[in-house]
Protein backbone atom coordinates (compact mmCIF):
# COMPACT_ATOMS: atom_id res chain seq x y z
CA UNK A 1 0.27 83.60 33.82
CA UNK A 2 -2.38 80.95 33.21
CA UNK A 3 -1.30 77.39 32.00
CA UNK A 4 -2.71 76.26 28.73
CA UNK A 5 -4.92 73.24 28.43
CA UNK A 6 -2.42 71.79 25.91
CA UNK A 7 0.32 71.52 28.56
CA UNK A 8 -1.96 69.55 30.88
CA UNK A 9 -2.73 67.05 28.06
CA UNK A 10 0.93 66.32 27.45
CA UNK A 11 1.46 65.47 31.14
CA UNK A 12 -1.39 62.97 31.07
CA UNK A 13 0.07 61.32 27.98
CA UNK A 14 3.49 61.02 29.60
CA UNK A 15 1.95 59.40 32.66
CA UNK A 16 0.12 56.88 30.47
CA UNK A 17 3.33 55.96 28.60
CA UNK A 18 5.17 55.58 31.93
CA UNK A 19 2.49 53.27 33.31
CA UNK A 20 2.57 51.20 30.13
CA UNK A 21 6.38 50.93 30.27
CA UNK A 22 6.27 49.75 33.88
CA UNK A 23 3.66 47.12 33.02
CA UNK A 24 5.71 45.79 30.10
CA UNK A 25 8.93 45.62 32.14
CA UNK A 26 7.09 43.93 35.01
CA UNK A 27 5.58 41.35 32.64
CA UNK A 28 8.98 40.53 31.17
CA UNK A 29 10.52 40.24 34.62
CA UNK A 30 7.69 38.04 35.92
CA UNK A 31 7.91 35.88 32.81
CA UNK A 32 11.67 35.46 33.31
CA UNK A 33 11.21 34.62 36.95
CA UNK A 34 8.58 32.02 36.14
CA UNK A 35 10.81 30.59 33.40
CA UNK A 36 13.74 30.29 35.78
CA UNK A 37 11.53 28.63 38.37
CA UNK A 38 10.27 26.13 35.79
CA UNK A 39 13.83 25.47 34.64
CA UNK A 40 14.96 24.84 38.21
CA UNK A 41 12.07 22.45 38.69
CA UNK A 42 13.10 20.57 35.53
CA UNK A 43 16.73 20.42 36.68
CA UNK A 44 15.66 19.17 40.10
CA UNK A 45 13.44 16.55 38.49
CA UNK A 46 16.30 15.48 36.21
CA UNK A 47 18.67 15.12 39.16
CA UNK A 48 16.11 13.15 41.12
CA UNK A 49 15.51 10.92 38.09
CA UNK A 50 19.24 10.19 37.96
CA UNK A 51 19.17 9.45 41.68
CA UNK A 52 16.27 7.05 41.15
CA UNK A 53 18.26 5.21 38.46
CA UNK A 54 21.27 5.06 40.79
CA UNK A 55 19.03 3.71 43.54
CA UNK A 56 18.10 0.91 41.16
CA UNK A 57 21.78 0.06 40.60
CA UNK A 58 22.39 0.00 44.37
CA UNK A 59 19.32 -2.19 44.87
CA UNK A 60 20.53 -4.71 42.28
CA UNK A 61 24.08 -4.68 43.66
CA UNK A 62 22.81 -5.57 47.13
CA UNK A 63 20.36 -8.14 45.79
CA UNK A 64 23.01 -10.02 43.82
CA UNK A 65 25.56 -9.91 46.65
CA UNK A 66 23.05 -11.31 49.14
CA UNK A 67 21.96 -14.06 46.75
CA UNK A 68 25.56 -14.97 45.94
CA UNK A 69 26.60 -15.23 49.59
CA UNK A 70 23.49 -17.27 50.36
CA UNK A 71 24.47 -19.97 47.84
CA UNK A 72 28.14 -20.21 48.88
CA UNK A 73 27.40 -23.33 51.04
CA UNK A 74 25.88 -25.00 47.98
CA UNK A 75 28.94 -24.10 45.91
CA UNK A 76 31.25 -25.55 48.56
CA UNK A 77 29.28 -28.82 48.49
CA UNK A 78 29.58 -28.78 44.68
CA UNK A 79 33.36 -28.29 44.97
CA UNK A 80 33.73 -31.13 47.47
CA UNK A 81 31.81 -33.51 45.19
CA UNK A 82 34.00 -32.43 42.28
CA UNK A 83 37.12 -33.33 44.29
CA UNK A 84 35.64 -36.69 45.31
CA UNK A 85 34.76 -37.52 41.71
CA UNK A 86 38.29 -36.70 40.56
CA UNK A 87 39.82 -38.93 43.21
CA UNK A 88 37.42 -41.78 42.31
CA UNK A 89 38.17 -41.51 38.58
CA UNK A 90 40.01 -44.73 37.56
CA UNK A 91 42.01 -42.74 35.00
CA UNK A 92 43.43 -40.58 37.81
CA UNK A 93 45.73 -43.24 39.17
CA UNK A 94 48.06 -40.67 40.68
CA UNK A 95 45.14 -39.19 42.67
CA UNK A 96 45.97 -35.65 41.55
CA UNK A 97 43.35 -32.94 42.03
CA UNK A 98 42.94 -30.57 39.09
CA UNK A 99 42.04 -27.33 40.86
CA UNK A 100 41.90 -25.38 37.62
CA UNK A 101 39.12 -27.72 36.47
CA UNK A 102 37.33 -27.14 39.76
CA UNK A 103 37.44 -23.37 39.23
CA UNK A 104 36.09 -23.76 35.70
CA UNK A 105 33.32 -26.15 36.78
CA UNK A 106 32.38 -23.87 39.68
CA UNK A 107 32.17 -20.92 37.28
CA UNK A 108 29.80 -22.89 35.06
CA UNK A 109 27.70 -23.96 38.05
CA UNK A 110 27.47 -20.40 39.35
CA UNK A 111 26.40 -19.19 35.89
CA UNK A 112 23.63 -21.80 35.94
CA UNK A 113 22.46 -20.75 39.42
CA UNK A 114 22.43 -17.06 38.50
CA UNK A 115 20.55 -17.77 35.28
CA UNK A 116 17.98 -19.76 37.22
CA UNK A 117 17.53 -16.95 39.74
CA UNK A 118 17.76 -13.69 37.78
CA UNK A 119 17.68 -14.19 33.99
CA UNK A 120 14.72 -12.12 32.85
CA UNK A 121 14.60 -10.60 36.33
CA UNK A 122 12.71 -7.27 36.49
CA UNK A 123 11.87 -5.27 39.58
CA UNK A 124 10.04 -1.94 39.88
CA UNK A 125 9.97 0.22 43.01
CA UNK A 126 8.55 3.67 43.85
CA UNK A 127 10.50 6.26 45.83
CA UNK A 128 8.25 9.18 46.83
CA UNK A 129 6.55 9.55 43.44
CA UNK A 130 9.79 8.72 41.61
CA UNK A 131 10.36 5.16 40.50
CA UNK A 132 13.01 2.89 39.00
CA UNK A 133 12.91 -0.31 37.00
CA UNK A 134 15.87 -2.72 37.03
CA UNK A 135 16.24 -5.49 34.48
CA UNK A 136 18.84 -8.23 34.04
CA UNK A 137 19.89 -8.39 30.40
CA UNK A 138 22.44 -11.24 30.46
CA UNK A 139 24.34 -13.68 32.66
CA UNK A 140 27.53 -15.12 31.16
CA UNK A 141 30.21 -17.34 32.69
CA UNK A 142 33.82 -17.31 31.51
CA UNK A 143 35.37 -20.57 32.81
CA UNK A 144 38.86 -19.85 31.45
CA UNK A 145 38.84 -16.52 33.29
CA UNK A 146 37.08 -17.90 36.39
CA UNK A 147 34.40 -15.22 36.47
CA UNK A 148 30.70 -14.68 35.87
CA UNK A 149 29.53 -11.32 34.48
CA UNK A 150 25.95 -10.11 34.98
CA UNK A 151 24.73 -7.23 32.81
CA UNK A 152 21.67 -5.11 33.50
CA UNK A 153 20.02 -1.73 33.15
CA UNK A 154 18.37 0.59 35.64
CA UNK A 155 15.75 3.08 34.39
CA UNK A 156 14.76 6.03 36.59
CA UNK A 157 11.52 7.89 35.70
CA UNK A 158 9.53 11.01 36.71
CA UNK A 159 6.99 13.16 34.81
CA UNK A 160 8.17 11.94 31.45
CA UNK A 161 11.87 12.27 32.32
CA UNK A 162 13.98 9.10 31.99
CA UNK A 163 17.58 8.28 32.91
CA UNK A 164 19.08 4.91 31.95
CA UNK A 165 22.16 3.39 33.56
CA UNK A 166 23.74 0.23 32.17
CA UNK A 167 26.08 -1.74 34.41
CA UNK A 168 28.04 -4.96 34.86
CA UNK A 169 28.52 -6.94 38.04
CA UNK A 170 31.44 -9.38 38.08
CA UNK A 171 31.80 -12.41 40.36
CA UNK A 172 35.32 -13.84 40.60
CA UNK A 173 35.71 -17.52 41.52
CA UNK A 174 38.54 -17.98 44.06
CA UNK A 175 41.32 -20.52 43.72
CA UNK A 176 40.79 -23.64 45.85
CA UNK A 177 44.24 -25.22 45.58
CA UNK A 178 45.87 -23.65 48.61
CA UNK A 179 48.72 -22.39 46.42
CA UNK A 180 50.04 -18.85 46.96
CA UNK A 181 47.45 -17.42 44.59
CA UNK A 182 44.62 -18.79 46.71
CA UNK A 183 42.36 -16.35 48.52
CA UNK A 184 41.91 -18.83 51.31
CA UNK A 185 42.62 -18.29 54.96
CA UNK A 186 42.69 -20.69 57.86
CA UNK A 187 45.48 -23.15 58.56
CA UNK A 188 48.83 -23.35 56.85
CA UNK A 189 51.42 -25.94 55.88
CA UNK A 190 54.96 -26.09 54.57
CA UNK A 191 56.15 -28.16 51.62
CA UNK A 192 57.91 -31.36 52.62
CA UNK A 193 61.30 -30.32 51.30
CA UNK A 194 62.78 -33.73 52.09
CA UNK A 195 60.33 -35.50 49.78
CA UNK A 196 58.98 -33.54 46.84
CA UNK A 197 58.40 -36.46 44.49
CA UNK A 198 55.46 -38.76 45.37
CA UNK A 199 55.74 -42.53 45.80
CA UNK A 200 54.10 -45.11 43.54
CA UNK A 201 53.25 -42.80 40.66
CA UNK A 202 50.96 -44.65 38.27
CA UNK A 203 50.75 -42.76 35.02
CA UNK A 204 51.42 -43.57 31.38
CA UNK A 205 54.27 -41.97 29.45
CA UNK A 206 53.63 -38.66 27.73
CA UNK A 207 54.62 -39.76 24.23
CA UNK A 208 56.21 -37.62 21.55
CA UNK A 209 53.99 -34.53 21.73
CA UNK A 210 56.20 -31.53 22.55
CA UNK A 211 53.27 -29.48 23.84
CA UNK A 212 51.57 -31.22 26.73
CA UNK A 213 48.00 -30.13 27.37
CA UNK A 214 45.26 -31.57 29.59
CA UNK A 215 47.17 -34.74 30.42
CA UNK A 216 48.55 -36.58 33.43
CA UNK A 217 51.64 -38.52 32.41
CA UNK A 218 55.32 -39.36 32.94
CA UNK A 219 57.74 -37.27 30.92
CA UNK A 220 61.03 -38.38 29.43
CA UNK A 221 64.17 -36.60 30.65
CA UNK A 222 65.10 -35.61 27.09
CA UNK A 223 61.57 -35.43 25.74
CA UNK A 224 62.04 -31.94 24.32
CA UNK A 225 58.75 -30.62 25.73
CA UNK A 226 58.32 -26.91 25.08
CA UNK A 227 55.15 -26.20 27.07
CA UNK A 228 52.84 -27.70 29.68
CA UNK A 229 49.26 -26.46 30.12
CA UNK A 230 46.45 -27.70 32.38
CA UNK A 231 48.40 -30.86 33.16
CA UNK A 232 50.22 -32.87 35.81
CA UNK A 233 53.60 -34.13 34.62
CA UNK A 234 56.02 -36.45 36.44
CA UNK A 235 59.70 -36.59 35.53
CA UNK A 236 61.07 -39.72 37.26
CA UNK A 237 64.59 -39.11 35.88
CA UNK A 238 64.59 -35.32 35.95
CA UNK A 239 64.19 -33.08 32.90
CA UNK A 240 66.49 -31.24 30.50
CA UNK A 241 64.53 -28.69 28.50
CA UNK A 242 65.11 -27.87 24.84
CA UNK A 243 66.76 -24.74 23.50
CA UNK A 244 64.46 -21.73 23.80
CA UNK A 245 61.65 -20.97 26.20
CA UNK A 246 59.78 -23.47 28.36
CA UNK A 247 56.25 -22.45 29.37
CA UNK A 248 54.12 -23.86 32.17
CA UNK A 249 50.58 -22.74 33.04
CA UNK A 250 47.82 -24.12 35.25
CA UNK A 251 49.94 -27.22 35.85
CA UNK A 252 51.89 -29.19 38.44
CA UNK A 253 55.33 -30.62 37.67
CA UNK A 254 57.22 -33.21 39.75
CA UNK A 255 60.88 -33.95 39.08
CA UNK A 256 62.78 -36.76 40.79
CA UNK A 257 66.16 -35.36 39.91
CA UNK A 258 67.54 -32.17 38.40
CA UNK A 259 65.42 -29.91 36.23
CA UNK A 260 67.37 -27.77 33.75
CA UNK A 261 65.90 -25.37 31.21
CA UNK A 262 67.18 -22.50 29.05
CA UNK A 263 64.57 -19.77 29.42
CA UNK A 264 61.89 -20.40 32.01
CA UNK A 265 59.65 -17.41 31.36
CA UNK A 266 55.89 -16.99 31.60
CA UNK A 267 55.27 -19.32 34.52
CA UNK A 268 51.59 -18.90 35.45
CA UNK A 269 49.54 -20.76 38.07
CA UNK A 270 52.09 -23.55 38.19
CA UNK A 271 53.54 -25.65 41.01
CA UNK A 272 57.04 -27.08 40.53
CA UNK A 273 58.23 -29.75 42.98
CA UNK A 274 61.88 -30.53 42.21
CA UNK A 275 63.56 -33.26 44.26
CA UNK A 276 66.96 -32.20 42.94
CA UNK A 277 68.62 -29.04 41.66
CA UNK A 278 67.18 -26.41 39.34
CA UNK A 279 69.07 -24.41 36.72
CA UNK A 280 67.91 -21.88 34.13
CA UNK A 281 69.35 -19.16 31.91
CA UNK A 282 66.55 -16.65 32.56
CA UNK A 283 63.49 -16.72 34.77
CA UNK A 284 60.99 -13.90 34.36
CA UNK A 285 57.22 -13.36 34.61
CA UNK A 286 56.39 -15.74 37.47
CA UNK A 287 52.71 -15.34 38.34
CA UNK A 288 50.67 -17.12 41.04
CA UNK A 289 53.15 -19.99 41.19
CA UNK A 290 55.16 -22.07 43.67
CA UNK A 291 58.65 -23.52 43.16
CA UNK A 292 59.83 -25.96 45.83
CA UNK A 293 63.43 -27.14 45.23
CA UNK A 294 65.23 -29.66 47.39
CA UNK A 295 68.68 -29.01 45.92
CA UNK A 296 70.56 -25.93 44.77
CA UNK A 297 69.42 -23.24 42.34
CA UNK A 298 71.46 -21.54 39.62
CA UNK A 299 70.04 -18.72 37.48
CA UNK A 300 72.55 -17.39 34.92
CA UNK A 301 70.73 -14.10 34.39
CA UNK A 302 67.76 -12.44 36.15
CA UNK A 303 64.81 -13.48 38.27
CA UNK A 304 62.22 -10.73 37.78
CA UNK A 305 58.51 -9.94 37.64
CA UNK A 306 57.40 -12.21 40.46
CA UNK A 307 53.70 -11.70 41.16
CA UNK A 308 52.04 -13.44 44.13
CA UNK A 309 54.52 -16.32 43.93
CA UNK A 310 56.96 -18.25 46.13
CA UNK A 311 60.32 -19.89 45.62
CA UNK A 312 61.37 -22.23 48.45
CA UNK A 313 64.95 -23.57 48.22
CA UNK A 314 66.54 -26.09 50.57
CA UNK A 315 70.03 -25.79 49.10
CA UNK A 316 72.07 -22.74 48.11
CA UNK A 317 71.12 -20.29 45.35
CA UNK A 318 73.16 -18.19 42.94
CA UNK A 319 71.59 -15.53 40.71
CA UNK A 320 74.08 -14.09 38.22
CA UNK A 321 71.83 -11.11 37.45
CA UNK A 322 69.15 -9.21 39.35
CA UNK A 323 66.77 -10.77 41.87
CA UNK A 324 63.49 -8.85 42.13
CA UNK A 325 60.85 -10.01 44.62
CA UNK A 326 57.63 -8.00 44.43
CA UNK A 327 53.83 -8.03 44.35
CA UNK A 328 53.21 -10.18 47.44
CA UNK A 329 55.93 -12.72 46.63
CA UNK A 330 58.48 -14.59 48.74
CA UNK A 331 61.85 -16.29 48.31
CA UNK A 332 63.02 -18.65 51.07
CA UNK A 333 66.54 -20.11 51.07
CA UNK A 334 67.89 -22.49 53.69
CA UNK A 335 71.41 -22.37 52.23
CA UNK A 336 73.48 -19.38 51.14
CA UNK A 337 72.24 -16.84 48.60
CA UNK A 338 74.51 -14.92 46.23
CA UNK A 339 73.18 -12.20 43.89
CA UNK A 340 75.70 -10.74 41.46
CA UNK A 341 73.61 -7.65 40.73
CA UNK A 342 70.92 -5.78 42.65
CA UNK A 343 68.46 -7.31 45.14
CA UNK A 344 65.06 -5.60 45.08
CA UNK A 345 62.25 -6.46 47.48
CA UNK A 346 58.93 -4.69 46.93
CA UNK A 347 56.46 -3.68 49.58
CA UNK A 348 54.50 -6.69 50.87
CA UNK A 349 57.17 -9.17 49.75
CA UNK A 350 60.01 -10.78 51.70
CA UNK A 351 63.20 -12.79 51.57
CA UNK A 352 63.84 -15.42 54.25
CA UNK A 353 67.30 -16.99 54.55
CA UNK A 354 69.30 -19.10 56.99
CA UNK A 355 72.69 -19.08 55.31
CA UNK A 356 74.73 -16.09 54.19
CA UNK A 357 73.31 -13.38 51.92
CA UNK A 358 75.42 -11.33 49.49
CA UNK A 359 74.06 -8.83 46.94
CA UNK A 360 77.02 -7.34 45.06
CA UNK A 361 74.87 -4.79 43.22
CA UNK A 362 73.35 -3.35 46.36
CA UNK A 363 69.87 -3.58 47.83
CA UNK A 364 66.58 -1.75 47.32
CA UNK A 365 64.35 -2.94 50.16
CA UNK A 366 60.75 -1.84 50.66
CA UNK A 367 59.64 -5.23 51.97
CA UNK A 368 61.39 -7.52 54.47
CA UNK A 369 64.61 -9.49 54.82
CA UNK A 370 64.37 -12.09 57.58
CA UNK A 371 67.36 -14.08 58.72
CA UNK A 372 66.56 -17.14 60.83
CA UNK A 373 68.63 -19.48 62.97
CA UNK A 374 67.65 -22.91 61.65
CA UNK A 375 66.23 -24.74 58.69
CA UNK A 376 62.99 -25.40 60.57
CA UNK A 377 62.56 -21.67 61.06
CA UNK A 378 62.81 -21.21 57.30
CA UNK A 379 59.89 -23.59 56.77
CA UNK A 380 57.93 -21.97 59.57
CA UNK A 381 58.32 -18.55 57.93
CA UNK A 382 57.44 -19.96 54.52
CA UNK A 383 54.20 -21.71 55.32
CA UNK A 384 51.75 -22.00 52.47
CA UNK A 385 48.11 -21.16 52.95
CA UNK A 386 45.86 -24.16 52.43
CA UNK A 387 42.28 -24.25 51.23
CA UNK A 388 40.53 -25.12 54.50
CA UNK A 389 38.85 -21.73 54.48
CA UNK A 390 37.94 -20.02 51.21
CA UNK A 391 37.37 -16.30 51.04
CA UNK A 392 34.41 -15.65 48.76
CA UNK A 393 34.71 -12.02 47.73
CA UNK A 394 31.67 -9.87 47.05
CA UNK A 395 30.59 -9.28 43.43
CA UNK A 396 32.19 -6.18 41.92
CA UNK A 397 30.00 -3.50 40.32
CA UNK A 398 31.82 -2.02 37.34
CA UNK A 399 31.36 -0.51 33.88
CA UNK A 400 28.54 1.79 35.02
CA UNK A 401 27.51 3.93 32.04
CA UNK A 402 25.01 6.81 32.15
CA UNK A 403 23.08 7.02 28.89
């Protein structure tokens, strides 16, 4: 049978539709492929823009650290002159060095040097067609907190893409006093436990103010002082604190005789030199402080929350509650030590004793207990770092925010 011409026409039409369908599908597929490729390129460019901004942060971090370390010798000269000026001051008859003032003055001086070097600082660098711009936005010193904070931004750019990172770099001023909170290294010394009150103290009397601040003076035994801040106080006849809490911060106290207080909490950056006995109801929150006591010690409740502090006792000690030594702290006792409740020693802390040790509530020891054979060995174990060598730590990059 012969095929009709109509059947052959339908076949040609079907072929044309099939070709058209393949072309449309191919176009859509090619378009999708090209779109994905473009999207990947944009993502890659975005990632590289972020990396360029991060490179700017790293550049600034290194720049500031190198500048800071380069001016450390100038800062040490500044500190030495500050000490000399304090000792030459006719008002400072006791020749006491105010190390807290030195830290504050050094903070202010470092702020000035940074402002002179980098305030308004802008740097632009190219990295294989990508580039970043870093700008310092502020330099601010905080003398009371002993730190300088530098704020800046880093802008990474490529083909119209931008990524901004804001950041802060903090410089912490070390302590120069040689007390336990100092970052210094080098040599070491022990307190002269046989003579904790200086000779020939020349200072006026403190007066009737119950809150002593920024003074150097002689305190009355029954003066009723409730707090001492940023001061050096001498008690030639000892001291009997008032009812309630007695606070001491950023200060040095000398007592030629017994020192008795009710609640001795919140002791911060303080040195106590007691050429007699020491008694308190409670003693908590001891931070970056030193207590050197020539006589005996009696605490009617707890001694807790010691942070980077030392208690050096030539006589015997009795704690009616808990004794907790932690956070890089030390208690040294040449006489006997009795603890009615638990003794806890945290990791990195230690207890040194020559006489007997009794803890009726048991012991929880992660640090060290060292028993020695003589009083001299106690002082050898309890040496205090002095400030002959200061450790200037690198600036800390923090508060990095991607915007």
